C-alpha atoms as a PDB file:
ATOM      1  CA  UNK A   1      17.763 206.037 -45.511  1.00  0.00           C
ATOM      2  CA  UNK A   2      17.086 202.843 -47.543  1.00  0.00           C
ATOM      3  CA  UNK A   3      19.849 203.782 -49.986  1.00  0.00           C
ATOM      4  CA  UNK A   4      22.327 204.395 -47.137  1.00  0.00           C
ATOM      5  CA  UNK A   5      21.480 201.009 -45.565  1.00  0.00           C
ATOM      6  CA  UNK A   6      21.834 199.295 -48.937  1.00  0.00           C
ATOM      7  CA  UNK A   7      25.289 200.759 -49.532  1.00  0.00           C
ATOM      8  CA  UNK A   8      26.383 199.809 -45.987  1.00  0.00           C
ATOM      9  CA  UNK A   9      25.186 196.254 -46.455  1.00  0.00           C
ATOM     10  CA  UNK A  10      27.037 195.971 -49.757  1.00  0.00           C
ATOM     11  CA  UNK A  11      30.251 197.282 -48.207  1.00  0.00           C
ATOM     12  CA  UNK A  12      30.026 194.753 -45.357  1.00  0.00           C
ATOM     13  CA  UNK A  13      29.522 191.939 -47.838  1.00  0.00           C
ATOM     14  CA  UNK A  14      32.572 193.013 -49.845  1.00  0.00           C
ATOM     15  CA  UNK A  15      34.729 193.206 -46.700  1.00  0.00           C
ATOM     16  CA  UNK A  16      33.586 189.785 -45.492  1.00  0.00           C
ATOM     17  CA  UNK A  17      34.152 188.218 -48.891  1.00  0.00           C
ATOM     18  CA  UNK A  18      37.652 189.689 -48.972  1.00  0.00           C
ATOM     19  CA  UNK A  19      38.449 188.274 -45.536  1.00  0.00           C
ATOM     20  CA  UNK A  20      37.217 184.746 -46.340  1.00  0.00           C
ATOM     21  CA  UNK A  21      38.847 184.779 -49.775  1.00  0.00           C
ATOM     22  CA  UNK A  22      42.227 185.241 -48.156  1.00  0.00           C
ATOM     23  CA  UNK A  23      42.027 181.711 -46.699  1.00  0.00           C
ATOM     24  CA  UNK A  24      42.475 179.492 -49.785  1.00  0.00           C
ATOM     25  CA  UNK A  25      42.485 176.296 -47.767  1.00  0.00           C
ATOM     26  CA  UNK A  26      39.156 177.100 -46.149  1.00  0.00           C
ATOM     27  CA  UNK A  27      37.594 177.912 -49.502  1.00  0.00           C
ATOM     28  CA  UNK A  28      38.885 174.702 -51.086  1.00  0.00           C
ATOM     29  CA  UNK A  29      37.766 172.645 -48.114  1.00  0.00           C
ATOM     30  CA  UNK A  30      34.263 173.956 -48.624  1.00  0.00           C
ATOM     31  CA  UNK A  31      34.341 172.539 -52.172  1.00  0.00           C
ATOM     32  CA  UNK A  32      35.379 175.632 -54.120  1.00  0.00           C
ATOM     33  CA  UNK A  33      38.237 174.665 -56.437  1.00  0.00           C
ATOM     34  CA  UNK A  34      38.578 171.188 -54.958  1.00  0.00           C
ATOM     35  CA  UNK A  35      38.608 168.147 -57.261  1.00  0.00           C
ATOM     36  CA  UNK A  36      35.518 166.110 -56.426  1.00  0.00           C
ATOM     37  CA  UNK A  37      36.300 162.393 -56.576  1.00  0.00           C
ATOM     38  CA  UNK A  38      33.798 159.561 -56.260  1.00  0.00           C
ATOM     39  CA  UNK A  39      35.619 156.469 -54.976  1.00  0.00           C
ATOM     40  CA  UNK A  40      34.000 153.035 -54.690  1.00  0.00           C
ATOM     41  CA  UNK A  41      35.919 150.491 -52.616  1.00  0.00           C
ATOM     42  CA  UNK A  42      35.443 146.718 -52.814  1.00  0.00           C
ATOM     43  CA  UNK A  43      34.819 146.371 -49.077  1.00  0.00           C
ATOM     44  CA  UNK A  44      36.779 145.729 -45.890  1.00  0.00           C
ATOM     45  CA  UNK A  45      37.480 142.029 -46.275  1.00  0.00           C
ATOM     46  CA  UNK A  46      41.136 141.983 -45.228  1.00  0.00           C
ATOM     47  CA  UNK A  47      44.048 143.783 -43.583  1.00  0.00           C
ATOM     48  CA  UNK A  48      45.220 144.691 -47.090  1.00  0.00           C
ATOM     49  CA  UNK A  49      41.922 146.351 -48.001  1.00  0.00           C
ATOM     50  CA  UNK A  50      41.808 148.305 -44.738  1.00  0.00           C
ATOM     51  CA  UNK A  51      45.302 149.666 -45.409  1.00  0.00           C
ATOM     52  CA  UNK A  52      44.362 150.468 -49.015  1.00  0.00           C
ATOM     53  CA  UNK A  53      41.279 152.416 -47.918  1.00  0.00           C
ATOM     54  CA  UNK A  54      43.272 154.376 -45.350  1.00  0.00           C
ATOM     55  CA  UNK A  55      45.905 155.271 -47.963  1.00  0.00           C
ATOM     56  CA  UNK A  56      43.261 156.463 -50.438  1.00  0.00           C
ATOM     57  CA  UNK A  57      41.410 158.567 -47.875  1.00  0.00           C
ATOM     58  CA  UNK A  58      44.611 160.196 -46.638  1.00  0.00           C
ATOM     59  CA  UNK A  59      45.783 161.031 -50.175  1.00  0.00           C
ATOM     60  CA  UNK A  60      42.417 162.350 -51.397  1.00  0.00           C
ATOM     61  CA  UNK A  61      41.817 164.659 -48.457  1.00  0.00           C
ATOM     62  CA  UNK A  62      40.673 168.285 -48.273  1.00  0.00           C
ATOM     63  CA  UNK A  63      41.474 170.986 -49.192  1.00  0.00           C
ATOM     64  CA  UNK A  64      42.701 169.761 -52.582  1.00  0.00           C
ATOM     65  CA  UNK A  65      40.117 166.992 -52.920  1.00  0.00           C
ATOM     66  CA  UNK A  66      36.462 166.553 -52.062  1.00  0.00           C
ATOM     67  CA  UNK A  67      36.150 162.779 -51.592  1.00  0.00           C
ATOM     68  CA  UNK A  68      32.846 160.931 -51.831  1.00  0.00           C
ATOM     69  CA  UNK A  69      33.583 157.416 -50.543  1.00  0.00           C
ATOM     70  CA  UNK A  70      31.410 154.312 -50.933  1.00  0.00           C
ATOM     71  CA  UNK A  71      31.952 150.768 -49.564  1.00  0.00           C
ATOM     72  CA  UNK A  72      30.494 148.122 -51.901  1.00  0.00           C
ATOM     73  CA  UNK A  73      30.640 145.359 -49.263  1.00  0.00           C
ATOM     74  CA  UNK A  74      31.978 142.998 -51.959  1.00  0.00           C
ATOM     75  CA  UNK A  75      28.806 143.246 -54.067  1.00  0.00           C
ATOM     76  CA  UNK A  76      28.935 144.410 -57.675  1.00  0.00           C
ATOM     77  CA  UNK A  77      25.362 145.703 -57.595  1.00  0.00           C
ATOM     78  CA  UNK A  78      26.301 148.057 -54.732  1.00  0.00           C
ATOM     79  CA  UNK A  79      29.265 149.314 -56.689  1.00  0.00           C
ATOM     80  CA  UNK A  80      27.252 149.985 -59.841  1.00  0.00           C
ATOM     81  CA  UNK A  81      24.718 151.949 -57.765  1.00  0.00           C
ATOM     82  CA  UNK A  82      27.564 153.977 -56.271  1.00  0.00           C
ATOM     83  CA  UNK A  83      29.023 154.765 -59.695  1.00  0.00           C
ATOM     84  CA  UNK A  84      25.631 155.897 -60.968  1.00  0.00           C
ATOM     85  CA  UNK A  85      25.242 158.082 -57.887  1.00  0.00           C
ATOM     86  CA  UNK A  86      28.627 159.685 -58.609  1.00  0.00           C
ATOM     87  CA  UNK A  87      27.534 160.341 -62.198  1.00  0.00           C
ATOM     88  CA  UNK A  88      24.281 161.938 -61.001  1.00  0.00           C
ATOM     89  CA  UNK A  89      26.277 164.148 -58.605  1.00  0.00           C
ATOM     90  CA  UNK A  90      28.531 165.260 -61.484  1.00  0.00           C
ATOM     91  CA  UNK A  91      31.798 164.438 -59.731  1.00  0.00           C
ATOM     92  CA  UNK A  92      35.003 165.442 -61.530  1.00  0.00           C
ATOM     93  CA  UNK A  93      36.622 161.995 -61.518  1.00  0.00           C
ATOM     94  CA  UNK A  94      35.429 158.478 -60.632  1.00  0.00           C
ATOM     95  CA  UNK A  95      37.888 155.965 -59.169  1.00  0.00           C
ATOM     96  CA  UNK A  96      37.017 152.442 -58.110  1.00  0.00           C
ATOM     97  CA  UNK A  97      38.427 149.022 -57.318  1.00  0.00           C
ATOM     98  CA  UNK A  98      36.076 146.628 -59.143  1.00  0.00           C
ATOM     99  CA  UNK A  99      34.640 143.663 -57.240  1.00  0.00           C
ATOM    100  CA  UNK A 100      34.811 141.467 -60.359  1.00  0.00           C
ATOM    101  CA  UNK A 101      36.230 141.913 -63.862  1.00  0.00           C
ATOM    102  CA  UNK A 102      33.114 141.767 -66.033  1.00  0.00           C
ATOM    103  CA  UNK A 103      29.755 143.544 -66.193  1.00  0.00           C
ATOM    104  CA  UNK A 104      30.972 147.160 -66.280  1.00  0.00           C
ATOM    105  CA  UNK A 105      30.395 148.229 -69.899  1.00  0.00           C
ATOM    106  CA  UNK A 106      27.001 149.858 -69.402  1.00  0.00           C
ATOM    107  CA  UNK A 107      27.797 151.986 -66.348  1.00  0.00           C
ATOM    108  CA  UNK A 108      31.193 153.008 -67.728  1.00  0.00           C
ATOM    109  CA  UNK A 109      29.523 154.139 -70.942  1.00  0.00           C
ATOM    110  CA  UNK A 110      27.215 156.271 -68.795  1.00  0.00           C
ATOM    111  CA  UNK A 111      30.253 157.874 -67.144  1.00  0.00           C
ATOM    112  CA  UNK A 112      31.864 158.487 -70.527  1.00  0.00           C
ATOM    113  CA  UNK A 113      28.656 160.080 -71.861  1.00  0.00           C
ATOM    114  CA  UNK A 114      28.732 162.408 -68.842  1.00  0.00           C
ATOM    115  CA  UNK A 115      32.384 163.296 -69.621  1.00  0.00           C
ATOM    116  CA  UNK A 116      33.557 161.935 -66.264  1.00  0.00           C
ATOM    117  CA  UNK A 117      36.945 160.175 -66.519  1.00  0.00           C
ATOM    118  CA  UNK A 118      37.344 156.860 -64.694  1.00  0.00           C
ATOM    119  CA  UNK A 119      40.478 155.592 -62.943  1.00  0.00           C
ATOM    120  CA  UNK A 120      40.720 151.899 -62.015  1.00  0.00           C
ATOM    121  CA  UNK A 121      42.608 151.065 -58.822  1.00  0.00           C
ATOM    122  CA  UNK A 122      44.011 147.741 -57.655  1.00  0.00           C
ATOM    123  CA  UNK A 123      41.852 145.603 -59.970  1.00  0.00           C
ATOM    124  CA  UNK A 124      41.276 145.652 -63.719  1.00  0.00           C
ATOM    125  CA  UNK A 125      38.076 145.256 -65.727  1.00  0.00           C
ATOM    126  CA  UNK A 126      37.289 143.285 -68.859  1.00  0.00           C
ATOM    127  CA  UNK A 127      35.384 145.654 -71.156  1.00  0.00           C
ATOM    128  CA  UNK A 128      34.724 145.807 -74.893  1.00  0.00           C
ATOM    129  CA  UNK A 129      36.220 149.304 -75.197  1.00  0.00           C
ATOM    130  CA  UNK A 130      39.370 150.289 -73.276  1.00  0.00           C
ATOM    131  CA  UNK A 131      38.553 153.972 -73.768  1.00  0.00           C
ATOM    132  CA  UNK A 132      35.822 153.566 -71.125  1.00  0.00           C
ATOM    133  CA  UNK A 133      38.507 154.163 -68.475  1.00  0.00           C
ATOM    134  CA  UNK A 134      41.449 156.558 -68.466  1.00  0.00           C
ATOM    135  CA  UNK A 135      44.061 154.494 -66.636  1.00  0.00           C
ATOM    136  CA  UNK A 136      44.565 151.560 -64.277  1.00  0.00           C
ATOM    137  CA  UNK A 137      46.940 151.614 -61.307  1.00  0.00           C
ATOM    138  CA  UNK A 138      47.662 148.399 -59.470  1.00  0.00           C
ATOM    139  CA  UNK A 139      49.794 145.337 -59.034  1.00  0.00           C
ATOM    140  CA  UNK A 140      50.607 142.722 -61.664  1.00  0.00           C
ATOM    141  CA  UNK A 141      48.522 139.867 -60.249  1.00  0.00           C
ATOM    142  CA  UNK A 142      49.756 137.343 -62.821  1.00  0.00           C
ATOM    143  CA  UNK A 143      53.335 138.088 -61.814  1.00  0.00           C
ATOM    144  CA  UNK A 144      52.393 137.677 -58.140  1.00  0.00           C
ATOM    145  CA  UNK A 145      51.080 134.196 -58.923  1.00  0.00           C
ATOM    146  CA  UNK A 146      54.281 133.408 -60.812  1.00  0.00           C
ATOM    147  CA  UNK A 147      56.411 134.569 -57.889  1.00  0.00           C
ATOM    148  CA  UNK A 148      54.495 132.385 -55.451  1.00  0.00           C
ATOM    149  CA  UNK A 149      55.051 129.359 -57.711  1.00  0.00           C
ATOM    150  CA  UNK A 150      58.701 130.247 -58.302  1.00  0.00           C
ATOM    151  CA  UNK A 151      59.262 130.334 -54.536  1.00  0.00           C
ATOM    152  CA  UNK A 152      57.625 126.902 -54.276  1.00  0.00           C
ATOM    153  CA  UNK A 153      59.747 125.447 -57.089  1.00  0.00           C
ATOM    154  CA  UNK A 154      62.908 126.729 -55.417  1.00  0.00           C
ATOM    155  CA  UNK A 155      61.840 125.499 -51.979  1.00  0.00           C
ATOM    156  CA  UNK A 156      61.035 122.058 -53.421  1.00  0.00           C
ATOM    157  CA  UNK A 157      64.517 121.425 -54.823  1.00  0.00           C
ATOM    158  CA  UNK A 158      65.823 118.115 -53.521  1.00  0.00           C
ATOM    159  CA  UNK A 159      62.403 117.114 -52.156  1.00  0.00           C
ATOM    160  CA  UNK A 160      60.810 113.940 -53.507  1.00  0.00           C
ATOM    161  CA  UNK A 161      57.533 114.306 -55.354  1.00  0.00           C
ATOM    162  CA  UNK A 162      54.667 114.382 -55.764  1.00  0.00           C
ATOM    163  CA  UNK A 163      53.933 117.787 -54.218  1.00  0.00           C
ATOM    164  CA  UNK A 164      50.196 117.918 -53.472  1.00  0.00           C
ATOM    165  CA  UNK A 165      48.881 121.480 -53.418  1.00  0.00           C
ATOM    166  CA  UNK A 166      45.599 122.926 -52.169  1.00  0.00           C
ATOM    167  CA  UNK A 167      44.611 126.382 -53.374  1.00  0.00           C
ATOM    168  CA  UNK A 168      42.533 128.980 -51.540  1.00  0.00           C
ATOM    169  CA  UNK A 169      41.213 131.219 -54.313  1.00  0.00           C
ATOM    170  CA  UNK A 170      40.032 134.787 -53.930  1.00  0.00           C
ATOM    171  CA  UNK A 171      36.554 136.038 -54.816  1.00  0.00           C
ATOM    172  CA  UNK A 172      35.231 134.172 -57.852  1.00  0.00           C
ATOM    173  CA  UNK A 173      35.481 136.311 -60.993  1.00  0.00           C
ATOM    174  CA  UNK A 174      37.777 138.924 -59.447  1.00  0.00           C
ATOM    175  CA  UNK A 175      40.940 140.003 -61.258  1.00  0.00           C
ATOM    176  CA  UNK A 176      43.374 138.984 -58.485  1.00  0.00           C
ATOM    177  CA  UNK A 177      41.795 135.529 -58.168  1.00  0.00           C
ATOM    178  CA  UNK A 178      41.841 134.922 -61.923  1.00  0.00           C
ATOM    179  CA  UNK A 179      45.325 136.296 -62.486  1.00  0.00           C
ATOM    180  CA  UNK A 180      47.073 134.832 -59.438  1.00  0.00           C
ATOM    181  CA  UNK A 181      45.730 131.403 -60.356  1.00  0.00           C
ATOM    182  CA  UNK A 182      46.885 131.893 -63.957  1.00  0.00           C
ATOM    183  CA  UNK A 183      50.414 132.966 -62.982  1.00  0.00           C
ATOM    184  CA  UNK A 184      50.834 130.153 -60.450  1.00  0.00           C
ATOM    185  CA  UNK A 185      49.735 127.460 -62.895  1.00  0.00           C
ATOM    186  CA  UNK A 186      51.868 128.959 -65.650  1.00  0.00           C
ATOM    187  CA  UNK A 187      54.997 128.126 -63.635  1.00  0.00           C
ATOM    188  CA  UNK A 188      54.099 124.663 -62.317  1.00  0.00           C
ATOM    189  CA  UNK A 189      52.381 123.312 -65.446  1.00  0.00           C
ATOM    190  CA  UNK A 190      54.590 120.783 -67.164  1.00  0.00           C
ATOM    191  CA  UNK A 191      56.412 119.872 -63.946  1.00  0.00           C
ATOM    192  CA  UNK A 192      55.100 116.448 -62.957  1.00  0.00           C
ATOM    193  CA  UNK A 193      56.094 116.925 -59.317  1.00  0.00           C
ATOM    194  CA  UNK A 194      53.343 119.469 -58.668  1.00  0.00           C
ATOM    195  CA  UNK A 195      49.636 118.696 -58.563  1.00  0.00           C
ATOM    196  CA  UNK A 196      46.770 120.909 -57.365  1.00  0.00           C
ATOM    197  CA  UNK A 197      44.430 118.457 -55.633  1.00  0.00           C
ATOM    198  CA  UNK A 198      41.852 120.940 -54.285  1.00  0.00           C
ATOM    199  CA  UNK A 199      40.942 124.489 -55.261  1.00  0.00           C
ATOM    200  CA  UNK A 200      38.111 126.563 -53.822  1.00  0.00           C
ATOM    201  CA  UNK A 201      37.248 130.202 -53.121  1.00  0.00           C
ATOM    202  CA  UNK A 202      37.751 131.579 -49.628  1.00  0.00           C
ATOM    203  CA  UNK A 203      36.474 135.046 -50.671  1.00  0.00           C
ATOM    204  CA  UNK A 204      39.688 136.717 -49.466  1.00  0.00           C
ATOM    205  CA  UNK A 205      38.483 136.506 -45.837  1.00  0.00           C
ATOM    206  CA  UNK A 206      40.094 134.914 -42.804  1.00  0.00           C
ATOM    207  CA  UNK A 207      36.889 133.179 -41.687  1.00  0.00           C
ATOM    208  CA  UNK A 208      36.244 131.602 -45.090  1.00  0.00           C
ATOM    209  CA  UNK A 209      39.899 130.645 -45.416  1.00  0.00           C
ATOM    210  CA  UNK A 210      39.636 128.669 -42.183  1.00  0.00           C
ATOM    211  CA  UNK A 211      36.331 127.089 -43.229  1.00  0.00           C
ATOM    212  CA  UNK A 212      37.556 125.960 -46.656  1.00  0.00           C
ATOM    213  CA  UNK A 213      40.863 124.681 -45.256  1.00  0.00           C
ATOM    214  CA  UNK A 214      38.904 122.574 -42.771  1.00  0.00           C
ATOM    215  CA  UNK A 215      37.062 121.030 -45.725  1.00  0.00           C
ATOM    216  CA  UNK A 216      40.358 120.402 -47.549  1.00  0.00           C
ATOM    217  CA  UNK A 217      41.801 118.647 -44.498  1.00  0.00           C
ATOM    218  CA  UNK A 218      38.686 116.542 -44.060  1.00  0.00           C
ATOM    219  CA  UNK A 219      38.810 115.446 -47.706  1.00  0.00           C
ATOM    220  CA  UNK A 220      42.576 114.945 -48.054  1.00  0.00           C
ATOM    221  CA  UNK A 221      43.663 114.093 -44.525  1.00  0.00           C
ATOM    222  CA  UNK A 222      47.438 114.366 -44.203  1.00  0.00           C
ATOM    223  CA  UNK A 223      47.946 114.160 -47.968  1.00  0.00           C
ATOM    224  CA  UNK A 224      48.505 117.915 -48.341  1.00  0.00           C
ATOM    225  CA  UNK A 225      52.044 119.184 -48.833  1.00  0.00           C
ATOM    226  CA  UNK A 226      51.492 122.829 -49.759  1.00  0.00           C
ATOM    227  CA  UNK A 227      48.848 125.522 -49.369  1.00  0.00           C
ATOM    228  CA  UNK A 228      48.787 128.345 -51.915  1.00  0.00           C
ATOM    229  CA  UNK A 229      46.491 131.131 -50.686  1.00  0.00           C
ATOM    230  CA  UNK A 230      45.541 134.075 -52.896  1.00  0.00           C
ATOM    231  CA  UNK A 231      45.884 136.397 -49.900  1.00  0.00           C
ATOM    232  CA  UNK A 232      47.418 136.437 -46.423  1.00  0.00           C
ATOM    233  CA  UNK A 233      44.123 136.672 -44.542  1.00  0.00           C
ATOM    234  CA  UNK A 234      42.899 133.370 -45.973  1.00  0.00           C
ATOM    235  CA  UNK A 235      46.288 131.826 -45.183  1.00  0.00           C
ATOM    236  CA  UNK A 236      46.068 133.015 -41.566  1.00  0.00           C
ATOM    237  CA  UNK A 237      42.593 131.489 -41.247  1.00  0.00           C
ATOM    238  CA  UNK A 238      43.908 128.265 -42.783  1.00  0.00           C
ATOM    239  CA  UNK A 239      46.794 128.182 -40.282  1.00  0.00           C
ATOM    240  CA  UNK A 240      44.244 128.003 -37.468  1.00  0.00           C
ATOM    241  CA  UNK A 241      42.467 125.106 -39.183  1.00  0.00           C
ATOM    242  CA  UNK A 242      45.765 123.268 -39.708  1.00  0.00           C
ATOM    243  CA  UNK A 243      46.721 123.659 -36.044  1.00  0.00           C
ATOM    244  CA  UNK A 244      43.293 122.497 -34.899  1.00  0.00           C
ATOM    245  CA  UNK A 245      43.788 119.385 -37.044  1.00  0.00           C
ATOM    246  CA  UNK A 246      46.944 118.573 -35.083  1.00  0.00           C
ATOM    247  CA  UNK A 247      49.384 119.541 -37.842  1.00  0.00           C
ATOM    248  CA  UNK A 248      52.191 122.097 -37.923  1.00  0.00           C
ATOM    249  CA  UNK A 249      51.700 124.907 -40.454  1.00  0.00           C
ATOM    250  CA  UNK A 250      54.961 125.850 -42.099  1.00  0.00           C
ATOM    251  CA  UNK A 251      56.451 122.369 -41.768  1.00  0.00           C
ATOM    252  CA  UNK A 252      53.801 119.635 -42.161  1.00  0.00           C
ATOM    253  CA  UNK A 253      52.132 121.880 -44.724  1.00  0.00           C
ATOM    254  CA  UNK A 254      54.232 124.558 -46.400  1.00  0.00           C
ATOM    255  CA  UNK A 255      52.315 127.783 -46.996  1.00  0.00           C
ATOM    256  CA  UNK A 256      52.832 130.555 -49.540  1.00  0.00           C
ATOM    257  CA  UNK A 257      50.417 133.464 -49.818  1.00  0.00           C
ATOM    258  CA  UNK A 258      50.124 136.933 -51.299  1.00  0.00           C
ATOM    259  CA  UNK A 259      49.823 140.500 -49.905  1.00  0.00           C
ATOM    260  CA  UNK A 260      52.626 140.993 -47.379  1.00  0.00           C
ATOM    261  CA  UNK A 261      50.514 142.323 -44.488  1.00  0.00           C
ATOM    262  CA  UNK A 262      51.831 142.522 -40.916  1.00  0.00           C
ATOM    263  CA  UNK A 263      49.849 139.438 -39.920  1.00  0.00           C
ATOM    264  CA  UNK A 264      51.743 137.407 -42.519  1.00  0.00           C
ATOM    265  CA  UNK A 265      55.103 138.627 -41.209  1.00  0.00           C
ATOM    266  CA  UNK A 266      54.068 137.735 -37.667  1.00  0.00           C
ATOM    267  CA  UNK A 267      53.081 134.248 -38.874  1.00  0.00           C
ATOM    268  CA  UNK A 268      56.411 133.855 -40.697  1.00  0.00           C
ATOM    269  CA  UNK A 269      58.314 134.981 -37.618  1.00  0.00           C
ATOM    270  CA  UNK A 270      56.464 132.284 -35.659  1.00  0.00           C
ATOM    271  CA  UNK A 271      57.397 129.687 -38.312  1.00  0.00           C
ATOM    272  CA  UNK A 272      53.797 129.122 -39.399  1.00  0.00           C
ATOM    273  CA  UNK A 273      53.947 130.725 -42.865  1.00  0.00           C
ATOM    274  CA  UNK A 274      56.808 130.086 -45.268  1.00  0.00           C
ATOM    275  CA  UNK A 275      56.605 132.965 -47.752  1.00  0.00           C
ATOM    276  CA  UNK A 276      54.464 135.908 -48.816  1.00  0.00           C
ATOM    277  CA  UNK A 277      54.489 137.770 -52.122  1.00  0.00           C
ATOM    278  CA  UNK A 278      54.108 141.504 -51.612  1.00  0.00           C
ATOM    279  CA  UNK A 279      51.089 143.350 -53.013  1.00  0.00           C
ATOM    280  CA  UNK A 280      51.466 146.976 -51.976  1.00  0.00           C
ATOM    281  CA  UNK A 281      48.131 148.522 -50.858  1.00  0.00           C
ATOM    282  CA  UNK A 282      49.494 152.037 -50.282  1.00  0.00           C
ATOM    283  CA  UNK A 283      48.386 153.354 -53.671  1.00  0.00           C
ATOM    284  CA  UNK A 284      46.895 156.630 -52.414  1.00  0.00           C
ATOM    285  CA  UNK A 285      49.709 159.054 -53.362  1.00  0.00           C
ATOM    286  CA  UNK A 286      50.101 157.573 -56.864  1.00  0.00           C
ATOM    287  CA  UNK A 287      46.333 157.581 -57.315  1.00  0.00           C
ATOM    288  CA  UNK A 288      46.153 161.243 -56.312  1.00  0.00           C
ATOM    289  CA  UNK A 289      48.809 162.108 -58.920  1.00  0.00           C
ATOM    290  CA  UNK A 290      46.881 160.281 -61.641  1.00  0.00           C
ATOM    291  CA  UNK A 291      43.618 161.977 -60.678  1.00  0.00           C
ATOM    292  CA  UNK A 292      45.296 165.409 -60.854  1.00  0.00           C
ATOM    293  CA  UNK A 293      46.584 164.647 -64.346  1.00  0.00           C
ATOM    294  CA  UNK A 294      43.321 163.132 -65.595  1.00  0.00           C
ATOM    295  CA  UNK A 295      41.329 166.080 -64.251  1.00  0.00           C
ATOM    296  CA  UNK A 296      43.722 168.520 -65.932  1.00  0.00           C
ATOM    297  CA  UNK A 297      43.377 166.684 -69.237  1.00  0.00           C
ATOM    298  CA  UNK A 298      47.006 165.553 -69.258  1.00  0.00           C
ATOM    299  CA  UNK A 299      48.031 162.348 -70.999  1.00  0.00           C
ATOM    300  CA  UNK A 300      48.558 159.429 -68.590  1.00  0.00           C
ATOM    301  CA  UNK A 301      49.848 155.859 -69.055  1.00  0.00           C
ATOM    302  CA  UNK A 302      47.109 153.284 -69.585  1.00  0.00           C
ATOM    303  CA  UNK A 303      48.762 150.973 -67.044  1.00  0.00           C
ATOM    304  CA  UNK A 304      50.704 151.949 -63.914  1.00  0.00           C
ATOM    305  CA  UNK A 305      52.331 149.209 -61.819  1.00  0.00           C
ATOM    306  CA  UNK A 306      53.948 149.236 -58.382  1.00  0.00           C
ATOM    307  CA  UNK A 307      57.257 147.728 -57.231  1.00  0.00           C
ATOM    308  CA  UNK A 308      56.923 144.675 -54.985  1.00  0.00           C
ATOM    309  CA  UNK A 309      59.015 141.831 -53.584  1.00  0.00           C
ATOM    310  CA  UNK A 310      58.915 138.343 -52.070  1.00  0.00           C
ATOM    311  CA  UNK A 311      59.603 137.715 -48.379  1.00  0.00           C
ATOM    312  CA  UNK A 312      60.405 134.486 -46.532  1.00  0.00           C
ATOM    313  CA  UNK A 313      60.624 133.298 -42.923  1.00  0.00           C
ATOM    314  CA  UNK A 314      64.305 134.207 -42.793  1.00  0.00           C
ATOM    315  CA  UNK A 315      63.526 137.859 -43.546  1.00  0.00           C
ATOM    316  CA  UNK A 316      60.392 138.226 -41.421  1.00  0.00           C
ATOM    317  CA  UNK A 317      61.845 139.376 -38.098  1.00  0.00           C
ATOM    318  CA  UNK A 318      64.030 142.086 -39.659  1.00  0.00           C
ATOM    319  CA  UNK A 319      61.305 143.323 -42.008  1.00  0.00           C
ATOM    320  CA  UNK A 320      58.353 143.257 -39.585  1.00  0.00           C
ATOM    321  CA  UNK A 321      59.054 146.696 -37.998  1.00  0.00           C
ATOM    322  CA  UNK A 322      59.068 148.245 -41.490  1.00  0.00           C
ATOM    323  CA  UNK A 323      55.601 147.087 -42.469  1.00  0.00           C
ATOM    324  CA  UNK A 324      53.170 149.997 -42.751  1.00  0.00           C
ATOM    325  CA  UNK A 325      50.109 147.767 -43.050  1.00  0.00           C
END
């Protein structure tokens, strides 16, 4: 009797296994055959970041991927903990958007020792050994800074100098803050018309952008001609501060910022923002392709960039319906 029951049980198990094995999607969704990706995001500091997170999550979805997502809340120590957790869990690939550029050598060496490839997204790192990461996908932040300055130079033709500029920087030590500042200064340096009179971090947030702009206005009064903001959210916060000071953003103070989010297009349409340099956050599909290749051991480019443009007030109304973020 025991032998008969044993054979029956075995037959049932085989039948059930055959039935479930016919549904590949279900099996992959449960983790079998899926590529397990540990992704550490900077935080949720802006419209841009929210759109970037959504794009990543949609692209790295089941059944093909098993995504382990971590929000660093703009703190490097949180991100390093997340990366070490991914290593301990033996994920297939680690992807992350670094809070700042430096301080990654040790944890990336740990990932390399565990044979886990690393993909950088959106922001670069400054490490002693470039082999510590497989590839970097993101925008050219230096070029974005150049484009913002080039717009300003063109918009200042025929206007008497000096042009007094205040700068709202991004998070101190971050790649976009460093590079956008570098590109902007690269264009205006040597032109005596332009002078940056104040420069301070607004941490890429709307609230801090408003707070720092209030301080700029208190210190400089009406002696501000241009605001250069490292992202749209800070610019939108600054617009509120400018209006509360009794000035007209977009005319009394010309404003150029970076990202190209819907809020910036709405501000341009209202005449309160003059120009925005696009920084495309919808990197998810390209990131997924890179992760597939890295996981398969295929050769990938060390640097992958995205196509972006510059938009002005005149284009805002027509372009606004097309913005996906």
